[in-house]
Amino acid sequence: MINAKTFSILMADDDPEDCLLLRDAVSGADVPVSVFTVSDGEALLECLTSGGLVSLGAASARPDLILLDLNMPRRDGRETLRALKSDRHLQTIPVVVLTTSTAAVDIDYSYELGANSYITKPSTFQDWLALARTVNDYWFRLVELPTG
């Protein structure tokens, strides 16, 4: 049985084009996912600790999944991941690092900090569509997510 719930992703990325590509891919892949975006790690943490996604127009405060870029201004993804995984109220939210870096040091460090997955950003819109479908199939159809 397929879950009819609309899931939510909170994406922290300072590249508005990547945020738009994800939104378009989710729409084009026809998956039941709402995408909310913030431009850096500071904004992500502020959102999650002061009302959550409701402040961005969502029905519930807690995102089902966070997509986190590593290289952002104010607070980068590494610092943000460390803060998320050290906060007992936020640490159970799955975090997927979605970044351009393929450096082993970034991959290893992200997992050491508690990332649940590490994905290199797609280079074509077809790859963004595949990413949207894969994220939906894995995180929202197969995996049992924490409730809070």
C-alpha atoms as a PDB file:
ATOM      1  CA  MET A   1       0.000   0.000   0.000  1.00  0.00           C
ATOM      2  CA  ILE A   2       1.374   3.395  -0.966  1.00  0.00           C
ATOM      3  CA  ASN A   3       1.286   6.155   1.615  1.00  0.00           C
ATOM      4  CA  ALA A   4      -0.907   9.071   0.463  1.00  0.00           C
ATOM      5  CA  LYS A   5       0.822  11.595   2.728  1.00  0.00           C
ATOM      6  CA  THR A   6       2.595  14.553   1.157  1.00  0.00           C
ATOM      7  CA  PHE A   7       6.133  14.574   2.517  1.00  0.00           C
ATOM      8  CA  SER A   8       8.259  17.632   3.082  1.00  0.00           C
ATOM      9  CA  ILE A   9      11.860  18.359   2.234  1.00  0.00           C
ATOM     10  CA  LEU A  10      13.746  21.322   3.652  1.00  0.00           C
ATOM     11  CA  MET A  11      16.629  22.177   1.334  1.00  0.00           C
ATOM     12  CA  ALA A  12      19.462  24.432   2.513  1.00  0.00           C
ATOM     13  CA  ASP A  13      21.351  25.701  -0.521  1.00  0.00           C
ATOM     14  CA  ASP A  14      22.630  29.137  -1.500  1.00  0.00           C
ATOM     15  CA  ASP A  15      22.235  28.412  -5.215  1.00  0.00           C
ATOM     16  CA  PRO A  16      18.695  29.454  -6.221  1.00  0.00           C
ATOM     17  CA  GLU A  17      19.048  27.565  -9.506  1.00  0.00           C
ATOM     18  CA  ASP A  18      19.633  24.260  -7.700  1.00  0.00           C
ATOM     19  CA  CYS A  19      16.619  24.936  -5.478  1.00  0.00           C
ATOM     20  CA  LEU A  20      14.512  25.612  -8.562  1.00  0.00           C
ATOM     21  CA  LEU A  21      15.845  22.496 -10.297  1.00  0.00           C
ATOM     22  CA  LEU A  22      14.802  20.360  -7.334  1.00  0.00           C
ATOM     23  CA  ARG A  23      11.332  21.928  -7.225  1.00  0.00           C
ATOM     24  CA  ASP A  24      10.901  21.434 -10.976  1.00  0.00           C
ATOM     25  CA  ALA A  25      12.173  17.862 -10.756  1.00  0.00           C
ATOM     26  CA  VAL A  26       9.776  16.999  -7.926  1.00  0.00           C
ATOM     27  CA  SER A  27       6.932  18.480  -9.951  1.00  0.00           C
ATOM     28  CA  GLY A  28       8.050  16.779 -13.162  1.00  0.00           C
ATOM     29  CA  ALA A  29       8.477  13.430 -11.440  1.00  0.00           C
ATOM     30  CA  ASP A  30       4.959  13.780 -10.024  1.00  0.00           C
ATOM     31  CA  VAL A  31       5.967  12.749  -6.510  1.00  0.00           C
ATOM     32  CA  PRO A  32       3.968  13.782  -3.418  1.00  0.00           C
ATOM     33  CA  VAL A  33       6.682  15.987  -1.930  1.00  0.00           C
ATOM     34  CA  SER A  34       6.642  19.636  -0.891  1.00  0.00           C
ATOM     35  CA  VAL A  35       9.997  21.396  -1.138  1.00  0.00           C
ATOM     36  CA  PHE A  36      10.872  24.303   1.129  1.00  0.00           C
ATOM     37  CA  THR A  37      14.156  26.140   0.767  1.00  0.00           C
ATOM     38  CA  VAL A  38      16.469  28.326   2.807  1.00  0.00           C
ATOM     39  CA  SER A  39      19.696  29.893   1.606  1.00  0.00           C
ATOM     40  CA  ASP A  40      22.145  28.776   4.286  1.00  0.00           C
ATOM     41  CA  GLY A  41      22.667  26.722   7.412  1.00  0.00           C
ATOM     42  CA  GLU A  42      21.918  29.614   9.736  1.00  0.00           C
ATOM     43  CA  ALA A  43      18.498  30.076   8.136  1.00  0.00           C
ATOM     44  CA  LEU A  44      17.861  26.318   8.319  1.00  0.00           C
ATOM     45  CA  LEU A  45      18.587  26.155  12.047  1.00  0.00           C
ATOM     46  CA  GLU A  46      16.612  29.340  12.688  1.00  0.00           C
ATOM     47  CA  CYS A  47      13.641  27.890  10.802  1.00  0.00           C
ATOM     48  CA  LEU A  48      13.740  24.601  12.704  1.00  0.00           C
ATOM     49  CA  THR A  49      14.062  26.209  16.130  1.00  0.00           C
ATOM     50  CA  SER A  50      11.457  28.953  15.681  1.00  0.00           C
ATOM     51  CA  GLY A  51       8.265  27.438  14.351  1.00  0.00           C
ATOM     52  CA  GLY A  52       9.724  25.067  11.807  1.00  0.00           C
ATOM     53  CA  LEU A  53       8.299  24.720   8.321  1.00  0.00           C
ATOM     54  CA  VAL A  54       5.039  26.370   9.390  1.00  0.00           C
ATOM     55  CA  SER A  55       6.925  29.664   9.084  1.00  0.00           C
ATOM     56  CA  LEU A  56       7.509  28.765   5.399  1.00  0.00           C
ATOM     57  CA  GLY A  57       3.879  27.846   4.736  1.00  0.00           C
ATOM     58  CA  ALA A  58       3.886  24.117   5.532  1.00  0.00           C
ATOM     59  CA  ALA A  59       1.160  22.258   7.376  1.00  0.00           C
ATOM     60  CA  SER A  60       3.594  20.700   9.871  1.00  0.00           C
ATOM     61  CA  ALA A  61       6.653  22.133  11.580  1.00  0.00           C
ATOM     62  CA  ARG A  62       9.066  19.254  11.109  1.00  0.00           C
ATOM     63  CA  PRO A  63      10.477  18.323   7.693  1.00  0.00           C
ATOM     64  CA  ASP A  64      10.595  14.662   6.778  1.00  0.00           C
ATOM     65  CA  LEU A  65      14.029  15.105   5.183  1.00  0.00           C
ATOM     66  CA  ILE A  66      16.737  17.761   5.011  1.00  0.00           C
ATOM     67  CA  LEU A  67      18.874  18.231   1.905  1.00  0.00           C
ATOM     68  CA  LEU A  68      22.030  20.084   2.890  1.00  0.00           C
ATOM     69  CA  ASP A  69      24.639  21.724   0.690  1.00  0.00           C
ATOM     70  CA  LEU A  70      28.134  21.851   2.165  1.00  0.00           C
ATOM     71  CA  ASN A  71      29.366  25.179   0.810  1.00  0.00           C
ATOM     72  CA  MET A  72      27.123  28.041   1.918  1.00  0.00           C
ATOM     73  CA  PRO A  73      27.633  31.471   3.465  1.00  0.00           C
ATOM     74  CA  ARG A  74      27.039  32.352   7.145  1.00  0.00           C
ATOM     75  CA  ARG A  75      26.970  28.745   8.369  1.00  0.00           C
ATOM     76  CA  ASP A  76      28.188  26.048   6.017  1.00  0.00           C
ATOM     77  CA  GLY A  77      26.776  22.546   5.747  1.00  0.00           C
ATOM     78  CA  ARG A  78      29.429  20.978   7.960  1.00  0.00           C
ATOM     79  CA  GLU A  79      28.700  23.335  10.857  1.00  0.00           C
ATOM     80  CA  THR A  80      24.973  22.950  10.282  1.00  0.00           C
ATOM     81  CA  LEU A  81      25.159  19.161  10.225  1.00  0.00           C
ATOM     82  CA  ARG A  82      27.137  19.185  13.472  1.00  0.00           C
ATOM     83  CA  ALA A  83      24.503  21.438  15.093  1.00  0.00           C
ATOM     84  CA  LEU A  84      21.588  19.317  13.826  1.00  0.00           C
ATOM     85  CA  LYS A  85      23.031  16.046  15.043  1.00  0.00           C
ATOM     86  CA  SER A  86      23.945  17.460  18.456  1.00  0.00           C
ATOM     87  CA  ASP A  87      20.434  18.811  19.136  1.00  0.00           C
ATOM     88  CA  ARG A  88      18.248  16.133  20.718  1.00  0.00           C
ATOM     89  CA  HIS A  89      15.104  17.651  19.168  1.00  0.00           C
ATOM     90  CA  LEU A  90      16.521  17.733  15.633  1.00  0.00           C
ATOM     91  CA  GLN A  91      18.987  14.854  15.473  1.00  0.00           C
ATOM     92  CA  THR A  92      16.460  12.295  14.257  1.00  0.00           C
ATOM     93  CA  ILE A  93      15.560  14.253  11.120  1.00  0.00           C
ATOM     94  CA  PRO A  94      17.314  12.448   8.264  1.00  0.00           C
ATOM     95  CA  VAL A  95      19.934  14.605   6.560  1.00  0.00           C
ATOM     96  CA  VAL A  96      21.144  13.984   3.034  1.00  0.00           C
ATOM     97  CA  VAL A  97      24.174  15.987   2.003  1.00  0.00           C
ATOM     98  CA  LEU A  98      23.513  17.178  -1.557  1.00  0.00           C
ATOM     99  CA  THR A  99      26.552  18.994  -2.844  1.00  0.00           C
ATOM    100  CA  THR A 100      28.936  19.377  -5.769  1.00  0.00           C
ATOM    101  CA  SER A 101      31.940  18.017  -3.884  1.00  0.00           C
ATOM    102  CA  THR A 102      33.173  14.531  -4.676  1.00  0.00           C
ATOM    103  CA  ALA A 103      36.159  14.882  -2.329  1.00  0.00           C
ATOM    104  CA  ALA A 104      36.675  11.861  -0.076  1.00  0.00           C
ATOM    105  CA  VAL A 105      37.430  14.160   2.858  1.00  0.00           C
ATOM    106  CA  ASP A 106      33.978  15.816   2.504  1.00  0.00           C
ATOM    107  CA  ILE A 107      32.214  12.480   2.132  1.00  0.00           C
ATOM    108  CA  ASP A 108      33.974  10.897   5.124  1.00  0.00           C
ATOM    109  CA  TYR A 109      33.549  13.970   7.334  1.00  0.00           C
ATOM    110  CA  SER A 110      29.836  14.246   6.497  1.00  0.00           C
ATOM    111  CA  TYR A 111      29.257  10.662   7.602  1.00  0.00           C
ATOM    112  CA  GLU A 112      31.372  11.209  10.733  1.00  0.00           C
ATOM    113  CA  LEU A 113      29.093  14.137  11.615  1.00  0.00           C
ATOM    114  CA  GLY A 114      26.000  11.960  11.206  1.00  0.00           C
ATOM    115  CA  ALA A 115      24.805  12.443   7.624  1.00  0.00           C
ATOM    116  CA  ASN A 116      22.358   9.743   6.585  1.00  0.00           C
ATOM    117  CA  SER A 117      23.413   9.869   2.924  1.00  0.00           C
ATOM    118  CA  TYR A 118      25.750  11.780   0.639  1.00  0.00           C
ATOM    119  CA  ILE A 119      24.768  12.599  -2.947  1.00  0.00           C
ATOM    120  CA  THR A 120      26.642  14.583  -5.561  1.00  0.00           C
ATOM    121  CA  LYS A 121      24.384  17.122  -7.267  1.00  0.00           C
ATOM    122  CA  PRO A 122      23.051  16.054 -10.642  1.00  0.00           C
ATOM    123  CA  SER A 123      24.373  17.740 -13.764  1.00  0.00           C
ATOM    124  CA  THR A 124      21.321  17.453 -16.048  1.00  0.00           C
ATOM    125  CA  PHE A 125      17.614  17.940 -15.544  1.00  0.00           C
ATOM    126  CA  GLN A 126      17.040  14.257 -16.346  1.00  0.00           C
ATOM    127  CA  ASP A 127      19.380  13.410 -13.462  1.00  0.00           C
ATOM    128  CA  TRP A 128      17.450  15.801 -11.176  1.00  0.00           C
ATOM    129  CA  LEU A 129      14.242  13.952 -12.148  1.00  0.00           C
ATOM    130  CA  ALA A 130      15.896  10.634 -11.312  1.00  0.00           C
ATOM    131  CA  LEU A 131      17.046  12.077  -7.983  1.00  0.00           C
ATOM    132  CA  ALA A 132      13.506  13.236  -7.131  1.00  0.00           C
ATOM    133  CA  ARG A 133      12.106   9.793  -7.911  1.00  0.00           C
ATOM    134  CA  THR A 134      14.853   8.006  -5.992  1.00  0.00           C
ATOM    135  CA  VAL A 135      14.488  10.228  -2.922  1.00  0.00           C
ATOM    136  CA  ASN A 136      10.745   9.692  -2.983  1.00  0.00           C
ATOM    137  CA  ASP A 137      10.997   5.927  -3.467  1.00  0.00           C
ATOM    138  CA  TYR A 138      13.657   5.415  -0.822  1.00  0.00           C
ATOM    139  CA  TRP A 139      12.948   7.994   1.884  1.00  0.00           C
ATOM    140  CA  PHE A 140       9.164   8.232   1.597  1.00  0.00           C
ATOM    141  CA  ARG A 141       8.014   4.830   0.357  1.00  0.00           C
ATOM    142  CA  LEU A 142      10.565   2.329   1.692  1.00  0.00           C
ATOM    143  CA  VAL A 143      12.072   3.812   4.868  1.00  0.00           C
ATOM    144  CA  GLU A 144      10.169   4.173   8.125  1.00  0.00           C
ATOM    145  CA  LEU A 145      10.821   7.752   9.230  1.00  0.00           C
ATOM    146  CA  PRO A 146      10.992   8.959  12.827  1.00  0.00           C
ATOM    147  CA  THR A 147       7.868  10.651  14.160  1.00  0.00           C
ATOM    148  CA  GLY A 148       9.577  13.370  16.097  1.00  0.00           C
END
